[in-house]
Each structure stands twice: as structure tokens, then as C-alpha cells.
Amino acid sequence: MDVTKKYGMIQPGSSDTMAMRAVFIIDPKATVRCILYYPSSTGRNFDEIKRIMLAIQKADAEGIARRLPTGSRATM
């Protein structure tokens, strides 16, 4: 249970032994790139996990992602 406590996977108000489900996407440099949390009653969506992983890889390979300056808003 040490890992679940360190990563905040215990839902408030629930049993200390029942962790919520989570997916951690960690790159080869050991940087956590994405965390998906969801209730234990919900199944994983592997298509969504794959989509996120492909998007991260594409952004890294092509430099297409960028950070917005503080205070700016993204436009659709």
C-alpha cells in the first residue's frame, strides 16, 4: 500500500486498502507524462490509453506541442 499512498490512489472516505484505478504513462527518461484516475467500478479504455501514448510520441518526435505563456488562453 506504500505505492498507492505515495501516488494518491486511495479515494477519500473509502477503505484504506481499496485503491482507485490509475494508469501512469512514464517516458524513457522516467518523466510521468500522463496520469488517468478513475473509480474501481470503471474499466480501462485501452483505445484511449493508446491514443494518449501516440499523441505524446508524435509531439515529442515532431515538436508539435507547445506550452502557452502564463495567463494566455488556447483558442479553438
C-alpha atoms as a PDB file:
ATOM      1  CA  MET A   1       0.000   0.000   0.000  1.00  0.00           C
ATOM      2  CA  ASP A   2       3.026   2.315   0.169  1.00  0.00           C
ATOM      3  CA  VAL A   3       2.881   2.961  -3.580  1.00  0.00           C
ATOM      4  CA  THR A   4      -0.841   3.681  -3.510  1.00  0.00           C
ATOM      5  CA  LYS A   5      -0.373   6.213  -0.721  1.00  0.00           C
ATOM      6  CA  LYS A   6       2.629   7.885  -2.390  1.00  0.00           C
ATOM      7  CA  TYR A   7       0.733   8.311  -5.674  1.00  0.00           C
ATOM      8  CA  GLY A   8      -2.537   9.412  -4.047  1.00  0.00           C
ATOM      9  CA  MET A   9      -4.527   6.402  -5.191  1.00  0.00           C
ATOM     10  CA  ILE A  10      -6.681   5.983  -2.075  1.00  0.00           C
ATOM     11  CA  GLN A  11     -10.087   7.596  -2.541  1.00  0.00           C
ATOM     12  CA  PRO A  12     -11.096   9.959   0.289  1.00  0.00           C
ATOM     13  CA  GLY A  13     -13.663   8.369   2.573  1.00  0.00           C
ATOM     14  CA  SER A  14     -13.034   4.841   1.288  1.00  0.00           C
ATOM     15  CA  SER A  15     -11.276   1.836   2.761  1.00  0.00           C
ATOM     16  CA  ASP A  16      -7.534   2.245   3.379  1.00  0.00           C
ATOM     17  CA  THR A  17      -6.978  -0.986   1.460  1.00  0.00           C
ATOM     18  CA  MET A  18      -9.004  -0.211  -1.680  1.00  0.00           C
ATOM     19  CA  ALA A  19      -7.087   1.839  -4.233  1.00  0.00           C
ATOM     20  CA  MET A  20      -8.709   3.600  -7.158  1.00  0.00           C
ATOM     21  CA  ARG A  21      -7.646   2.508 -10.619  1.00  0.00           C
ATOM     22  CA  ALA A  22      -4.953   4.522 -12.291  1.00  0.00           C
ATOM     23  CA  VAL A  23      -2.809   4.417 -15.414  1.00  0.00           C
ATOM     24  CA  PHE A  24       0.596   6.079 -15.346  1.00  0.00           C
ATOM     25  CA  ILE A  25       2.362   6.782 -18.647  1.00  0.00           C
ATOM     26  CA  ILE A  26       6.069   7.230 -17.936  1.00  0.00           C
ATOM     27  CA  ASP A  27       8.562   8.041 -20.675  1.00  0.00           C
ATOM     28  CA  PRO A  28      12.066   6.537 -21.092  1.00  0.00           C
ATOM     29  CA  LYS A  29      13.523   9.470 -19.098  1.00  0.00           C
ATOM     30  CA  ALA A  30      11.351   8.455 -16.109  1.00  0.00           C
ATOM     31  CA  THR A  31       9.089  11.509 -16.510  1.00  0.00           C
ATOM     32  CA  VAL A  32       5.417  10.948 -15.719  1.00  0.00           C
ATOM     33  CA  ARG A  33       3.666  12.199 -18.847  1.00  0.00           C
ATOM     34  CA  CYS A  34       0.072  11.286 -18.051  1.00  0.00           C
ATOM     35  CA  ILE A  35      -1.974  10.022 -15.113  1.00  0.00           C
ATOM     36  CA  LEU A  36      -5.509   8.735 -15.588  1.00  0.00           C
ATOM     37  CA  TYR A  37      -7.565   8.166 -12.432  1.00  0.00           C
ATOM     38  CA  TYR A  38     -10.965   6.522 -12.423  1.00  0.00           C
ATOM     39  CA  PRO A  39     -13.246   4.686  -9.972  1.00  0.00           C
ATOM     40  CA  SER A  40     -12.635   1.000  -9.323  1.00  0.00           C
ATOM     41  CA  SER A  41     -16.081   0.315 -10.834  1.00  0.00           C
ATOM     42  CA  THR A  42     -14.939   1.657 -14.228  1.00  0.00           C
ATOM     43  CA  GLY A  43     -12.985  -0.441 -16.701  1.00  0.00           C
ATOM     44  CA  ARG A  44      -9.909   0.730 -18.574  1.00  0.00           C
ATOM     45  CA  ASN A  45     -10.226   2.090 -22.105  1.00  0.00           C
ATOM     46  CA  PHE A  46      -7.156   0.787 -23.951  1.00  0.00           C
ATOM     47  CA  ASP A  47      -8.042   2.714 -27.104  1.00  0.00           C
ATOM     48  CA  GLU A  48      -7.813   5.952 -25.108  1.00  0.00           C
ATOM     49  CA  ILE A  49      -4.527   4.894 -23.495  1.00  0.00           C
ATOM     50  CA  LYS A  50      -3.098   4.091 -26.934  1.00  0.00           C
ATOM     51  CA  ARG A  51      -4.335   7.439 -28.315  1.00  0.00           C
ATOM     52  CA  ILE A  52      -2.603   9.311 -25.499  1.00  0.00           C
ATOM     53  CA  MET A  53       0.642   7.393 -25.960  1.00  0.00           C
ATOM     54  CA  LEU A  54       0.658   8.012 -29.724  1.00  0.00           C
ATOM     55  CA  ALA A  55      -0.056  11.715 -29.174  1.00  0.00           C
ATOM     56  CA  ILE A  56       2.836  12.029 -26.721  1.00  0.00           C
ATOM     57  CA  GLN A  57       5.181  10.205 -29.117  1.00  0.00           C
ATOM     58  CA  LYS A  58       4.116  12.394 -32.056  1.00  0.00           C
ATOM     59  CA  ALA A  59       4.516  15.584 -30.044  1.00  0.00           C
ATOM     60  CA  ASP A  60       7.995  14.517 -28.969  1.00  0.00           C
ATOM     61  CA  ALA A  61       9.066  13.423 -32.461  1.00  0.00           C
ATOM     62  CA  GLU A  62       7.710  16.430 -34.341  1.00  0.00           C
ATOM     63  CA  GLY A  63       7.819  19.132 -31.712  1.00  0.00           C
ATOM     64  CA  ILE A  64       4.176  19.978 -32.341  1.00  0.00           C
ATOM     65  CA  ALA A  65       3.138  20.563 -28.749  1.00  0.00           C
ATOM     66  CA  ARG A  66       3.950  23.819 -27.045  1.00  0.00           C
ATOM     67  CA  ARG A  67       3.283  25.478 -23.754  1.00  0.00           C
ATOM     68  CA  LEU A  68       1.191  28.600 -23.711  1.00  0.00           C
ATOM     69  CA  PRO A  69       2.606  31.617 -21.894  1.00  0.00           C
ATOM     70  CA  THR A  70       1.234  32.134 -18.393  1.00  0.00           C
ATOM     71  CA  GLY A  71      -2.131  33.858 -18.498  1.00  0.00           C
ATOM     72  CA  SER A  72      -2.867  33.119 -22.168  1.00  0.00           C
ATOM     73  CA  ARG A  73      -5.839  31.067 -23.332  1.00  0.00           C
ATOM     74  CA  ALA A  74      -5.972  28.410 -26.011  1.00  0.00           C
ATOM     75  CA  THR A  75      -8.335  29.125 -28.890  1.00  0.00           C
ATOM     76  CA  MET A  76     -10.360  26.534 -30.704  1.00  0.00           C
END
